[in-house]
């Protein structure tokens, strides 16, 4: 088993809803991921995976003094717990 970095681009309204309803956010992320494929243009894609390079990206961004913690996020989503585990168990 490995850990993969997964990122989802959201609108301000979607972010607000995700903060209010983490279960909706998990379902929404899965829906976006299912809709996109390898032919989706990068500028149009809303889902991006770094696979197992997330730790390397974190190292490089911190080394360059990047002002935002992209890899781990600035703040946790309340009540989101461990989505990876909850998604696999369902």
C-alpha atoms as a PDB file:
ATOM      1  CA  UNK A   1       0.000   0.000   0.000  1.00  0.00           C
ATOM      2  CA  UNK A   2       1.208   3.507  -0.722  1.00  0.00           C
ATOM      3  CA  UNK A   3       0.092   7.058  -0.113  1.00  0.00           C
ATOM      4  CA  UNK A   4      -0.779   9.184  -3.123  1.00  0.00           C
ATOM      5  CA  UNK A   5      -1.221  12.954  -3.230  1.00  0.00           C
ATOM      6  CA  UNK A   6      -4.624  13.985  -4.604  1.00  0.00           C
ATOM      7  CA  UNK A   7      -5.624  17.580  -5.331  1.00  0.00           C
ATOM      8  CA  UNK A   8      -8.985  18.997  -6.362  1.00  0.00           C
ATOM      9  CA  UNK A   9      -9.565  22.492  -7.745  1.00  0.00           C
ATOM     10  CA  UNK A  10     -12.799  23.929  -6.363  1.00  0.00           C
ATOM     11  CA  UNK A  11     -14.754  27.153  -6.616  1.00  0.00           C
ATOM     12  CA  UNK A  12     -15.224  29.350  -3.536  1.00  0.00           C
ATOM     13  CA  UNK A  13     -18.809  28.074  -3.279  1.00  0.00           C
ATOM     14  CA  UNK A  14     -17.700  24.438  -3.464  1.00  0.00           C
ATOM     15  CA  UNK A  15     -15.081  25.077  -0.789  1.00  0.00           C
ATOM     16  CA  UNK A  16     -17.683  26.637   1.499  1.00  0.00           C
ATOM     17  CA  UNK A  17     -19.963  23.635   0.998  1.00  0.00           C
ATOM     18  CA  UNK A  18     -17.067  21.218   1.601  1.00  0.00           C
ATOM     19  CA  UNK A  19     -16.268  22.905   4.897  1.00  0.00           C
ATOM     20  CA  UNK A  20     -19.902  22.551   5.967  1.00  0.00           C
ATOM     21  CA  UNK A  21     -20.340  19.001   4.673  1.00  0.00           C
ATOM     22  CA  UNK A  22     -17.116  16.942   4.392  1.00  0.00           C
ATOM     23  CA  UNK A  23     -19.037  13.848   3.234  1.00  0.00           C
ATOM     24  CA  UNK A  24     -20.369  15.838   0.271  1.00  0.00           C
ATOM     25  CA  UNK A  25     -16.806  16.915  -0.505  1.00  0.00           C
ATOM     26  CA  UNK A  26     -15.586  13.321  -0.540  1.00  0.00           C
ATOM     27  CA  UNK A  27     -18.379  12.272  -2.897  1.00  0.00           C
ATOM     28  CA  UNK A  28     -17.832  15.355  -5.073  1.00  0.00           C
ATOM     29  CA  UNK A  29     -14.105  14.627  -5.364  1.00  0.00           C
ATOM     30  CA  UNK A  30     -14.832  11.042  -6.425  1.00  0.00           C
ATOM     31  CA  UNK A  31     -17.360  12.271  -9.014  1.00  0.00           C
ATOM     32  CA  UNK A  32     -14.889  14.751 -10.527  1.00  0.00           C
ATOM     33  CA  UNK A  33     -12.191  12.091 -10.612  1.00  0.00           C
ATOM     34  CA  UNK A  34     -14.501   9.659 -12.441  1.00  0.00           C
ATOM     35  CA  UNK A  35     -15.475  12.279 -15.057  1.00  0.00           C
ATOM     36  CA  UNK A  36     -11.906  13.157 -16.042  1.00  0.00           C
ATOM     37  CA  UNK A  37      -9.514  11.038 -18.049  1.00  0.00           C
ATOM     38  CA  UNK A  38      -6.079  11.300 -19.665  1.00  0.00           C
ATOM     39  CA  UNK A  39      -7.515  13.409 -22.492  1.00  0.00           C
ATOM     40  CA  UNK A  40      -8.701  16.176 -20.159  1.00  0.00           C
ATOM     41  CA  UNK A  41      -6.620  19.285 -20.862  1.00  0.00           C
ATOM     42  CA  UNK A  42      -4.528  20.340 -17.840  1.00  0.00           C
ATOM     43  CA  UNK A  43      -6.100  23.820 -17.867  1.00  0.00           C
ATOM     44  CA  UNK A  44      -9.555  22.236 -17.656  1.00  0.00           C
ATOM     45  CA  UNK A  45      -8.752  19.436 -15.195  1.00  0.00           C
ATOM     46  CA  UNK A  46     -10.040  19.800 -11.657  1.00  0.00           C
ATOM     47  CA  UNK A  47      -8.347  16.703 -10.256  1.00  0.00           C
ATOM     48  CA  UNK A  48      -4.614  16.130 -10.107  1.00  0.00           C
ATOM     49  CA  UNK A  49      -2.652  13.318  -8.535  1.00  0.00           C
ATOM     50  CA  UNK A  50       1.021  13.440  -7.662  1.00  0.00           C
ATOM     51  CA  UNK A  51       0.993   9.704  -6.982  1.00  0.00           C
ATOM     52  CA  UNK A  52       3.890   9.067  -4.617  1.00  0.00           C
ATOM     53  CA  UNK A  53       5.856  12.247  -5.348  1.00  0.00           C
ATOM     54  CA  UNK A  54       3.875  14.332  -2.842  1.00  0.00           C
ATOM     55  CA  UNK A  55       6.694  14.149  -0.277  1.00  0.00           C
ATOM     56  CA  UNK A  56       9.285  15.270  -2.836  1.00  0.00           C
ATOM     57  CA  UNK A  57       7.064  18.181  -3.876  1.00  0.00           C
ATOM     58  CA  UNK A  58       6.675  19.185  -0.231  1.00  0.00           C
ATOM     59  CA  UNK A  59      10.455  19.156   0.199  1.00  0.00           C
ATOM     60  CA  UNK A  60      11.050  21.273  -2.916  1.00  0.00           C
ATOM     61  CA  UNK A  61       8.319  23.796  -2.103  1.00  0.00           C
ATOM     62  CA  UNK A  62       9.575  24.263   1.461  1.00  0.00           C
ATOM     63  CA  UNK A  63      13.145  24.592   0.213  1.00  0.00           C
ATOM     64  CA  UNK A  64      12.054  27.362  -2.162  1.00  0.00           C
ATOM     65  CA  UNK A  65      10.201  29.129   0.697  1.00  0.00           C
ATOM     66  CA  UNK A  66       6.867  28.779  -1.089  1.00  0.00           C
ATOM     67  CA  UNK A  67       4.393  30.887   0.943  1.00  0.00           C
ATOM     68  CA  UNK A  68       1.547  28.334   1.081  1.00  0.00           C
ATOM     69  CA  UNK A  69       1.621  24.742   2.341  1.00  0.00           C
ATOM     70  CA  UNK A  70       0.162  23.123  -0.765  1.00  0.00           C
ATOM     71  CA  UNK A  71       1.077  19.556   0.136  1.00  0.00           C
ATOM     72  CA  UNK A  72      -0.520  19.361   3.569  1.00  0.00           C
ATOM     73  CA  UNK A  73      -2.839  22.364   3.336  1.00  0.00           C
ATOM     74  CA  UNK A  74      -3.085  25.418   5.503  1.00  0.00           C
ATOM     75  CA  UNK A  75      -5.963  24.189   7.668  1.00  0.00           C
ATOM     76  CA  UNK A  76      -7.608  20.791   8.132  1.00  0.00           C
ATOM     77  CA  UNK A  77     -11.229  20.369   7.140  1.00  0.00           C
ATOM     78  CA  UNK A  78     -13.146  19.849  10.388  1.00  0.00           C
ATOM     79  CA  UNK A  79     -14.697  16.417  10.810  1.00  0.00           C
ATOM     80  CA  UNK A  80     -13.087  15.108   7.600  1.00  0.00           C
ATOM     81  CA  UNK A  81     -11.009  12.563   9.537  1.00  0.00           C
ATOM     82  CA  UNK A  82      -9.012  10.236   7.299  1.00  0.00           C
ATOM     83  CA  UNK A  83     -10.776  10.219   3.939  1.00  0.00           C
ATOM     84  CA  UNK A  84      -8.444   7.635   2.449  1.00  0.00           C
ATOM     85  CA  UNK A  85      -9.397   5.079   5.056  1.00  0.00           C
ATOM     86  CA  UNK A  86     -13.093   5.899   5.034  1.00  0.00           C
ATOM     87  CA  UNK A  87     -13.265   5.712   1.219  1.00  0.00           C
ATOM     88  CA  UNK A  88     -11.598   2.290   1.109  1.00  0.00           C
ATOM     89  CA  UNK A  89     -13.834   0.896   3.818  1.00  0.00           C
ATOM     90  CA  UNK A  90     -17.090   1.786   2.056  1.00  0.00           C
END
